[in-house]
């Protein structure tokens, strides 16, 4: 059996402690699968006294994670610190420059510095593995990087944030407000004390930017993503979606178009009968559409200590199975220096159109004015329905419009016009309807 693979772990939070525990508990099984033992020999964490429920008695401690990363006594550096700069970036860079393989779960780091780090890894002939950075325990990175050789990816989309999916699932199932579910999610540990990064879509955007690079061979462009969160989703939207045969999900979508690559994160209505509409709670799901395979859907736990640790250990095991002289594949599926500049496409037309909810004053001429604004923007309506307003005012009505396929610009122009006409009593709601078959 080959010599043991020596692991250094920086960051001993929930995920880091789970990684150390899993490696210790599964040591014999991992040795059989990989042909060599995997041993955690060194760690780095800010608090050396906290009881993490793992045995670190014989493990070397490093105050500086960058020093650990470059240490000659480890073969693989595992970065679980978090953050897009600071110690995380410094330690990963130090490890790669020292010729160490690196495993990270840090999507923010990769979204900001992934291409530069990939260039170092490929120059040094070492691996930079990051399965845990996107969709937790779902092996979507390995699938896109290795299993789809010869396929041309046309579209990748999915539910990439468990917090948002949990909130939307409970809003629908229990008929309670966004704020109520968010407070409960924070109490249960599904949402952070400051949930902005999750609920406003930034977390999904970071993950989507990585998938986009893998899918289309472009440089990561996390700042060029159309971004919209779920904080403005109401029970009125949830109920209207159900009546129309849809369910609301926060999706990240990247697709190839004639004018470039479109990346967007926003609440989306998907048909209730579609597979992705059945993904509930904190579960994640990623769909990949290709020319040869067709559509592949991967679903599973998207977060948590065990799910993320499983992905990290899987990345370590891949390194353990490689042998000296083995030519490693490129970090993002193509050599980093060959990744094309990202060309952002305009928000295009969407199959299925748009859902538009308007709270209007109940007076003569409102319907005609709304219809005129739609016609002026060349928007064809599939349906128009009027309800009593949820605001409890008899002088107000809720108007639900569903459009045929049209453009983002046309919808925004029409809604802006209706707003300027002075017919609205509340902020209009616009939600895209996405093909999700």
Protein backbone atom coordinates (compact mmCIF):
# COMPACT_ATOMS: atom_id res chain seq x y z
CA UNK A 1 0.00 0.00 0.00
CA UNK A 2 1.24 3.49 -0.84
CA UNK A 3 2.31 5.94 1.86
CA UNK A 4 -0.47 7.67 3.79
CA UNK A 5 -1.88 10.89 2.37
CA UNK A 6 -1.29 13.60 4.97
CA UNK A 7 -4.05 16.18 5.36
CA UNK A 8 -3.95 19.66 6.89
CA UNK A 9 -7.33 21.21 7.72
CA UNK A 10 -7.81 24.95 8.26
CA UNK A 11 -11.11 25.86 9.88
CA UNK A 12 -12.72 23.60 12.48
CA UNK A 13 -16.29 24.81 12.44
CA UNK A 14 -19.22 22.50 11.74
CA UNK A 15 -17.84 21.34 8.39
CA UNK A 16 -14.19 21.15 9.39
CA UNK A 17 -14.93 19.10 12.51
CA UNK A 18 -17.17 16.81 10.43
CA UNK A 19 -14.37 16.26 7.89
CA UNK A 20 -11.89 15.27 10.62
CA UNK A 21 -14.47 12.98 12.23
CA UNK A 22 -15.46 11.27 8.96
CA UNK A 23 -11.82 10.62 7.99
CA UNK A 24 -11.14 9.08 11.41
CA UNK A 25 -14.30 6.96 11.47
CA UNK A 26 -13.97 5.78 7.85
CA UNK A 27 -10.18 5.36 7.80
CA UNK A 28 -10.15 1.63 7.02
CA UNK A 29 -12.83 1.93 4.34
CA UNK A 30 -11.10 4.91 2.72
CA UNK A 31 -7.79 3.00 2.69
CA UNK A 32 -9.44 0.08 0.86
CA UNK A 33 -11.08 2.40 -1.67
CA UNK A 34 -8.05 4.61 -2.29
CA UNK A 35 -5.17 2.15 -1.91
CA UNK A 36 -3.61 4.27 0.84
CA UNK A 37 -4.49 5.66 4.23
CA UNK A 38 -5.79 9.19 4.64
CA UNK A 39 -4.66 10.84 7.88
CA UNK A 40 -5.30 14.33 9.29
CA UNK A 41 -1.89 15.33 10.65
CA UNK A 42 -2.30 19.09 11.20
CA UNK A 43 -5.03 21.68 11.76
CA UNK A 44 -5.48 25.42 12.11
CA UNK A 45 -8.27 27.21 13.98
CA UNK A 46 -8.66 30.39 15.98
CA UNK A 47 -9.91 28.65 19.13
CA UNK A 48 -7.60 25.85 20.28
CA UNK A 49 -9.50 25.12 23.49
CA UNK A 50 -13.04 24.46 22.25
CA UNK A 51 -14.35 20.90 22.47
CA UNK A 52 -15.35 19.89 18.94
CA UNK A 53 -16.11 16.26 19.72
CA UNK A 54 -13.09 14.99 17.75
CA UNK A 55 -9.71 13.62 18.81
CA UNK A 56 -6.94 16.10 17.99
CA UNK A 57 -4.49 14.93 20.66
CA UNK A 58 -1.79 13.80 18.21
CA UNK A 59 -2.50 16.52 15.64
CA UNK A 60 -0.15 19.46 15.06
CA UNK A 61 -1.68 22.93 15.51
CA UNK A 62 -0.82 25.97 13.40
CA UNK A 63 -1.82 29.50 14.33
CA UNK A 64 -1.34 30.69 10.74
CA UNK A 65 -3.32 28.72 8.11
CA UNK A 66 -0.95 29.92 5.36
CA UNK A 67 1.97 28.41 7.25
CA UNK A 68 0.06 25.14 7.52
CA UNK A 69 -0.80 25.24 3.81
CA UNK A 70 2.87 25.52 2.79
CA UNK A 71 4.18 23.01 5.34
CA UNK A 72 6.18 20.18 3.82
CA UNK A 73 4.65 17.69 6.28
CA UNK A 74 1.26 17.70 4.54
CA UNK A 75 0.24 16.57 1.05
CA UNK A 76 -3.22 18.17 0.89
CA UNK A 77 -4.43 21.47 2.33
CA UNK A 78 -8.17 21.68 3.09
CA UNK A 79 -9.50 25.25 3.38
CA UNK A 80 -12.73 25.56 5.35
CA UNK A 81 -12.20 29.06 6.75
CA UNK A 82 -14.59 30.94 4.46
CA UNK A 83 -14.51 34.45 3.04
CA UNK A 84 -13.42 35.68 -0.38
CA UNK A 85 -10.13 37.21 0.79
CA UNK A 86 -7.98 37.36 3.93
CA UNK A 87 -6.70 34.09 5.47
CA UNK A 88 -8.71 31.91 3.06
CA UNK A 89 -7.18 33.37 -0.08
CA UNK A 90 -3.70 33.71 1.43
CA UNK A 91 -3.61 30.11 2.63
CA UNK A 92 -4.98 28.56 -0.57
CA UNK A 93 -2.49 30.55 -2.64
CA UNK A 94 0.36 29.56 -0.30
CA UNK A 95 -0.59 25.90 -0.52
CA UNK A 96 -0.77 25.88 -4.31
CA UNK A 97 2.50 27.79 -4.68
CA UNK A 98 4.17 25.26 -2.36
CA UNK A 99 2.98 22.40 -4.57
CA UNK A 100 0.25 21.15 -2.26
CA UNK A 101 -3.05 19.84 -3.52
CA UNK A 102 -5.93 21.99 -2.23
CA UNK A 103 -9.54 21.16 -1.39
CA UNK A 104 -11.95 23.99 -0.58
CA UNK A 105 -15.66 24.48 0.07
CA UNK A 106 -15.37 28.24 -0.42
CA UNK A 107 -17.67 29.41 -3.22
CA UNK A 108 -17.07 33.10 -2.44
CA UNK A 109 -13.31 32.66 -2.83
CA UNK A 110 -13.71 30.80 -6.12
CA UNK A 111 -16.25 33.29 -7.48
CA UNK A 112 -13.77 36.12 -6.90
CA UNK A 113 -10.34 34.51 -7.38
CA UNK A 114 -11.04 31.06 -8.84
CA UNK A 115 -9.44 31.59 -12.25
CA UNK A 116 -6.25 33.08 -10.78
CA UNK A 117 -5.98 30.20 -8.30
CA UNK A 118 -6.65 27.69 -11.09
CA UNK A 119 -3.76 29.15 -13.08
CA UNK A 120 -1.42 28.56 -10.13
CA UNK A 121 -2.67 25.00 -9.62
CA UNK A 122 -2.22 24.11 -13.29
CA UNK A 123 1.23 25.71 -13.42
CA UNK A 124 2.30 23.73 -10.35
CA UNK A 125 0.69 20.49 -11.55
CA UNK A 126 -1.51 20.08 -8.48
CA UNK A 127 -5.22 19.67 -7.92
CA UNK A 128 -7.66 22.33 -6.79
CA UNK A 129 -10.86 20.48 -5.90
CA UNK A 130 -14.05 22.25 -4.82
CA UNK A 131 -17.02 19.87 -4.97
CA UNK A 132 -18.38 21.17 -1.66
CA UNK A 133 -18.49 24.77 -2.90
CA UNK A 134 -21.66 24.19 -4.97
CA UNK A 135 -24.79 22.30 -3.89
CA UNK A 136 -23.31 20.65 -0.80
CA UNK A 137 -23.20 16.88 -1.11
CA UNK A 138 -24.45 16.74 -4.72
CA UNK A 139 -21.56 15.70 -7.05
CA UNK A 140 -22.33 18.34 -9.66
CA UNK A 141 -18.75 19.62 -10.08
CA UNK A 142 -17.36 16.16 -10.80
CA UNK A 143 -20.27 15.47 -13.14
CA UNK A 144 -19.68 18.63 -15.17
CA UNK A 145 -15.88 18.46 -15.05
CA UNK A 146 -15.47 14.77 -15.80
CA UNK A 147 -18.63 12.86 -16.71
CA UNK A 148 -19.96 14.99 -19.57
CA UNK A 149 -16.98 14.75 -21.91
CA UNK A 150 -18.08 15.36 -25.50
CA UNK A 151 -21.36 16.98 -24.44
CA UNK A 152 -22.14 20.59 -25.24
CA UNK A 153 -24.02 22.20 -22.34
CA UNK A 154 -26.77 24.56 -23.43
CA UNK A 155 -28.35 25.37 -20.10
CA UNK A 156 -27.76 24.75 -16.41
CA UNK A 157 -30.23 25.76 -13.73
CA UNK A 158 -31.26 24.79 -10.28
CA UNK A 159 -32.12 25.38 -6.65
CA UNK A 160 -28.76 26.24 -5.13
CA UNK A 161 -29.69 27.69 -1.74
CA UNK A 162 -31.38 25.56 0.91
CA UNK A 163 -32.40 28.52 3.08
CA UNK A 164 -34.50 30.07 0.32
CA UNK A 165 -36.03 26.76 -0.68
CA UNK A 166 -36.93 26.02 2.95
CA UNK A 167 -38.63 29.42 3.31
CA UNK A 168 -40.64 29.10 0.08
CA UNK A 169 -41.62 25.51 0.90
CA UNK A 170 -43.02 26.45 4.29
CA UNK A 171 -44.75 29.57 2.99
CA UNK A 172 -46.67 27.39 0.55
CA UNK A 173 -47.34 24.48 2.90
CA UNK A 174 -48.40 26.51 5.95
CA UNK A 175 -49.77 29.73 4.49
CA UNK A 176 -47.54 31.94 6.64
CA UNK A 177 -45.58 35.05 5.75
CA UNK A 178 -41.98 35.37 4.62
CA UNK A 179 -41.00 37.14 7.86
CA UNK A 180 -42.54 34.43 10.04
CA UNK A 181 -40.74 31.62 8.23
CA UNK A 182 -37.44 33.52 8.23
CA UNK A 183 -37.55 33.95 12.02
CA UNK A 184 -38.22 30.24 12.42
CA UNK A 185 -35.43 29.36 9.99
CA UNK A 186 -33.02 31.47 12.04
CA UNK A 187 -34.13 29.74 15.23
CA UNK A 188 -33.57 26.31 13.66
CA UNK A 189 -30.17 27.26 12.25
CA UNK A 190 -31.23 27.14 8.59
CA UNK A 191 -30.70 30.90 8.23
CA UNK A 192 -27.97 33.18 9.55
CA UNK A 193 -28.58 36.01 12.01
CA UNK A 194 -28.01 38.29 8.99
CA UNK A 195 -29.70 36.29 6.20
CA UNK A 196 -29.12 38.87 3.44
CA UNK A 197 -26.47 36.84 1.60
CA UNK A 198 -28.91 33.93 1.22
CA UNK A 199 -32.31 35.55 0.77
CA UNK A 200 -31.18 38.26 -1.66
CA UNK A 201 -29.57 35.68 -3.95
CA UNK A 202 -25.82 36.37 -3.56
CA UNK A 203 -25.06 32.85 -2.34
CA UNK A 204 -26.85 31.37 -5.35
CA UNK A 205 -25.05 33.82 -7.65
CA UNK A 206 -21.61 32.72 -6.45
CA UNK A 207 -22.48 29.07 -7.05
CA UNK A 208 -24.06 29.80 -10.43
CA UNK A 209 -20.97 31.69 -11.60
CA UNK A 210 -18.84 28.60 -10.96
CA UNK A 211 -21.28 26.34 -12.83
CA UNK A 212 -21.35 28.83 -15.72
CA UNK A 213 -17.58 28.65 -16.10
CA UNK A 214 -17.68 24.85 -16.12
CA UNK A 215 -20.61 24.71 -18.52
CA UNK A 216 -19.50 27.26 -21.11
CA UNK A 217 -15.73 27.60 -20.74
CA UNK A 218 -15.86 31.25 -19.70
CA UNK A 219 -14.01 33.12 -17.00
CA UNK A 220 -16.01 33.45 -13.77
CA UNK A 221 -18.20 36.56 -13.79
CA UNK A 222 -20.09 36.63 -10.50
CA UNK A 223 -20.63 40.39 -10.77
CA UNK A 224 -22.43 40.09 -14.12
CA UNK A 225 -25.43 38.13 -12.86
CA UNK A 226 -28.96 39.53 -12.89
CA UNK A 227 -29.89 39.24 -9.21
CA UNK A 228 -33.21 39.27 -7.39
CA UNK A 229 -33.99 37.68 -4.02
CA UNK A 230 -37.13 36.31 -2.37
CA UNK A 231 -37.79 38.90 0.34
CA UNK A 232 -40.63 40.45 -1.68
CA UNK A 233 -42.52 37.17 -2.21
CA UNK A 234 -45.91 37.27 -0.49
CA UNK A 235 -48.70 34.84 0.25
CA UNK A 236 -50.65 36.50 -2.58
CA UNK A 237 -47.92 35.36 -4.99
CA UNK A 238 -47.82 31.85 -3.51
CA UNK A 239 -51.59 31.43 -3.81
CA UNK A 240 -51.78 32.89 -7.31
CA UNK A 241 -49.00 30.58 -8.47
CA UNK A 242 -50.87 27.54 -7.11
CA UNK A 243 -54.09 28.59 -8.83
CA UNK A 244 -52.22 28.87 -12.12
CA UNK A 245 -50.51 25.47 -11.72
CA UNK A 246 -47.10 26.79 -10.65
CA UNK A 247 -44.80 26.75 -7.63
CA UNK A 248 -42.32 29.52 -6.78
CA UNK A 249 -38.63 28.61 -6.48
CA UNK A 250 -35.48 30.72 -6.34
CA UNK A 251 -33.52 29.51 -9.35
CA UNK A 252 -30.07 30.21 -10.67
CA UNK A 253 -30.12 29.94 -14.48
CA UNK A 254 -27.26 30.08 -16.97
CA UNK A 255 -27.81 29.49 -20.67
CA UNK A 256 -26.14 29.93 -24.00
CA UNK A 257 -27.76 32.47 -26.35
CA UNK A 258 -26.84 33.92 -29.73
CA UNK A 259 -25.64 37.15 -28.09
CA UNK A 260 -23.66 35.59 -25.22
CA UNK A 261 -24.16 33.78 -21.93
CA UNK A 262 -27.14 34.72 -19.81
CA UNK A 263 -26.81 34.38 -16.01
CA UNK A 264 -29.69 35.21 -13.69
CA UNK A 265 -30.87 34.50 -10.16
CA UNK A 266 -34.48 35.29 -9.27
CA UNK A 267 -37.78 33.88 -8.00
CA UNK A 268 -39.33 31.76 -10.71
CA UNK A 269 -42.66 30.07 -11.30
CA UNK A 270 -42.15 26.48 -12.40
CA UNK A 271 -44.93 24.06 -13.38
CA UNK A 272 -46.15 22.12 -10.35
CA UNK A 273 -45.78 18.86 -12.30
CA UNK A 274 -42.10 19.47 -13.10
CA UNK A 275 -39.44 17.51 -11.23
CA UNK A 276 -37.71 20.60 -9.84
CA UNK A 277 -41.01 21.80 -8.36
CA UNK A 278 -40.96 18.69 -6.15
CA UNK A 279 -37.66 19.69 -4.50
CA UNK A 280 -38.65 20.83 -1.02
CA UNK A 281 -37.05 22.09 2.19
CA UNK A 282 -33.29 22.54 2.39
CA UNK A 283 -32.69 20.18 -0.55
CA UNK A 284 -30.78 21.46 -3.60
CA UNK A 285 -31.16 20.39 -7.23
CA UNK A 286 -29.19 21.10 -10.40
CA UNK A 287 -30.40 20.41 -13.96
CA UNK A 288 -27.92 20.25 -16.83
CA UNK A 289 -29.15 20.28 -20.44
CA UNK A 290 -26.77 18.91 -23.08
CA UNK A 291 -26.86 18.00 -26.76
CA UNK A 292 -25.96 14.31 -26.34
CA UNK A 293 -27.26 13.26 -22.93
CA UNK A 294 -30.30 15.48 -22.87
CA UNK A 295 -31.30 16.69 -19.40
CA UNK A 296 -29.67 15.40 -16.23
CA UNK A 297 -31.09 16.31 -12.81
CA UNK A 298 -29.02 15.92 -9.65
CA UNK A 299 -30.71 16.39 -6.28
CA UNK A 300 -29.72 15.98 -2.66
CA UNK A 301 -28.67 17.67 0.61
CA UNK A 302 -27.32 21.11 -0.19
CA UNK A 303 -25.80 22.11 3.14
CA UNK A 304 -24.92 20.99 6.64
CA UNK A 305 -21.89 19.41 8.23
CA UNK A 306 -22.33 15.87 6.93
CA UNK A 307 -23.36 16.76 3.38
CA UNK A 308 -20.52 19.22 2.91
CA UNK A 309 -18.01 16.96 4.66
CA UNK A 310 -19.00 14.13 2.32
CA UNK A 311 -18.10 16.28 -0.70
CA UNK A 312 -14.81 17.39 0.89
CA UNK A 313 -13.80 13.83 1.74
CA UNK A 314 -14.73 12.76 -1.79
CA UNK A 315 -12.34 15.39 -3.17
CA UNK A 316 -9.59 14.18 -0.82
CA UNK A 317 -10.20 10.57 -1.88
CA UNK A 318 -9.79 11.54 -5.54
CA UNK A 319 -6.38 12.98 -4.70
CA UNK A 320 -5.49 9.85 -2.73
CA UNK A 321 -6.28 7.70 -5.78
CA UNK A 322 -4.01 9.72 -8.09
CA UNK A 323 -0.37 8.68 -8.41
CA UNK A 324 2.91 10.52 -9.09
CA UNK A 325 3.25 11.45 -12.75
CA UNK A 326 -0.53 11.43 -13.30
CA UNK A 327 -1.62 14.36 -15.49
CA UNK A 328 -4.37 16.19 -13.62
CA UNK A 329 -7.29 17.67 -15.52
CA UNK A 330 -7.84 21.45 -15.58
CA UNK A 331 -9.64 23.03 -12.63
CA UNK A 332 -12.60 24.38 -14.61
CA UNK A 333 -12.74 21.68 -17.27
CA UNK A 334 -10.52 23.67 -19.66
CA UNK A 335 -7.07 25.14 -19.02
CA UNK A 336 -7.54 28.35 -17.03
CA UNK A 337 -5.58 30.39 -19.59
CA UNK A 338 -7.97 29.21 -22.31
CA UNK A 339 -11.16 30.26 -20.52
CA UNK A 340 -12.91 32.81 -22.71
CA UNK A 341 -13.86 36.28 -21.48
CA UNK A 342 -17.43 36.28 -20.28
CA UNK A 343 -19.81 37.91 -22.75
CA UNK A 344 -23.00 38.91 -21.02
CA UNK A 345 -26.21 38.41 -22.98
CA UNK A 346 -29.17 40.72 -22.65
CA UNK A 347 -32.08 39.40 -20.63
CA UNK A 348 -33.92 37.64 -23.42
CA UNK A 349 -37.47 36.43 -23.94
CA UNK A 350 -38.63 33.62 -21.69
CA UNK A 351 -40.69 30.60 -22.65
CA UNK A 352 -43.84 30.73 -20.58
CA UNK A 353 -43.69 34.48 -20.19
CA UNK A 354 -44.27 36.46 -17.01
CA UNK A 355 -46.60 36.60 -14.03
CA UNK A 356 -47.57 40.16 -13.12
CA UNK A 357 -49.58 41.02 -9.99
CA UNK A 358 -51.04 44.52 -9.69
CA UNK A 359 -53.00 46.04 -6.80
CA UNK A 360 -55.16 48.69 -8.48
CA UNK A 361 -57.79 51.23 -7.49
CA UNK A 362 -61.23 49.90 -8.39
CA UNK A 363 -62.40 52.60 -10.77
CA UNK A 364 -63.56 52.98 -14.34
CA UNK A 365 -60.85 52.81 -16.99
CA UNK A 366 -58.19 50.92 -15.02
CA UNK A 367 -58.51 47.67 -16.98
CA UNK A 368 -58.45 49.55 -20.28
CA UNK A 369 -55.33 51.49 -19.22
CA UNK A 370 -53.52 48.31 -18.16
CA UNK A 371 -54.45 46.57 -21.42
CA UNK A 372 -53.25 49.58 -23.43
CA UNK A 373 -49.86 49.62 -21.71
CA UNK A 374 -49.46 45.92 -22.49
CA UNK A 375 -50.44 46.44 -26.12
CA UNK A 376 -48.09 49.43 -26.46
CA UNK A 377 -45.23 47.15 -25.34
CA UNK A 378 -46.41 44.47 -27.81
CA UNK A 379 -47.15 42.03 -24.98
CA UNK A 380 -49.71 39.34 -25.68
CA UNK A 381 -51.69 38.23 -22.62
CA UNK A 382 -52.47 34.58 -21.97
CA UNK A 383 -54.84 35.41 -19.12
CA UNK A 384 -56.08 38.27 -16.97
CA UNK A 385 -57.90 37.65 -13.67
CA UNK A 386 -59.29 40.03 -11.08
CA UNK A 387 -59.57 39.25 -7.35
CA UNK A 388 -60.47 41.11 -4.20
CA UNK A 389 -57.37 42.77 -2.78
CA UNK A 390 -55.43 41.07 0.02
CA UNK A 391 -54.98 44.49 1.61
CA UNK A 392 -58.54 44.35 2.96
CA UNK A 393 -59.72 47.49 1.19
CA UNK A 394 -62.92 47.13 -0.84
CA UNK A 395 -61.82 50.01 -3.04
CA UNK A 396 -58.81 47.99 -4.26
CA UNK A 397 -58.58 45.01 -6.62
CA UNK A 398 -55.81 42.56 -7.40
CA UNK A 399 -55.20 41.98 -11.10
CA UNK A 400 -53.20 38.92 -12.17
CA UNK A 401 -51.70 38.95 -15.66
CA UNK A 402 -49.94 36.04 -17.34
CA UNK A 403 -48.15 36.95 -20.56
CA UNK A 404 -47.12 34.92 -23.55
CA UNK A 405 -43.41 34.87 -24.35
CA UNK A 406 -42.00 38.37 -24.32
CA UNK A 407 -38.91 40.29 -23.29
CA UNK A 408 -37.75 41.64 -19.95
CA UNK A 409 -37.53 45.14 -21.41
CA UNK A 410 -41.11 45.01 -22.69
CA UNK A 411 -42.51 43.89 -19.35
CA UNK A 412 -40.57 46.51 -17.39
CA UNK A 413 -41.68 49.23 -19.81
CA UNK A 414 -45.34 48.24 -19.47
CA UNK A 415 -45.21 47.99 -15.66
CA UNK A 416 -43.41 51.35 -15.40
CA UNK A 417 -46.10 52.90 -17.57
CA UNK A 418 -48.92 51.47 -15.44
CA UNK A 419 -47.17 52.83 -12.35
CA UNK A 420 -46.85 56.30 -13.88
CA UNK A 421 -50.56 56.25 -14.79
CA UNK A 422 -51.33 56.37 -11.06
CA UNK A 423 -53.57 53.30 -11.00
CA UNK A 424 -51.51 51.25 -8.52
CA UNK A 425 -52.04 51.18 -4.76
CA UNK A 426 -49.05 48.94 -4.02
CA UNK A 427 -45.73 47.96 -5.59
CA UNK A 428 -46.22 45.72 -8.66
CA UNK A 429 -44.89 42.18 -8.58
CA UNK A 430 -43.21 40.56 -11.59
CA UNK A 431 -42.11 36.90 -11.57
CA UNK A 432 -40.72 35.01 -14.53
CA UNK A 433 -42.26 31.71 -15.59
CA UNK A 434 -39.51 29.24 -16.41
CA UNK A 435 -39.51 26.13 -18.55
CA UNK A 436 -38.40 23.42 -16.12
CA UNK A 437 -39.15 20.15 -17.89
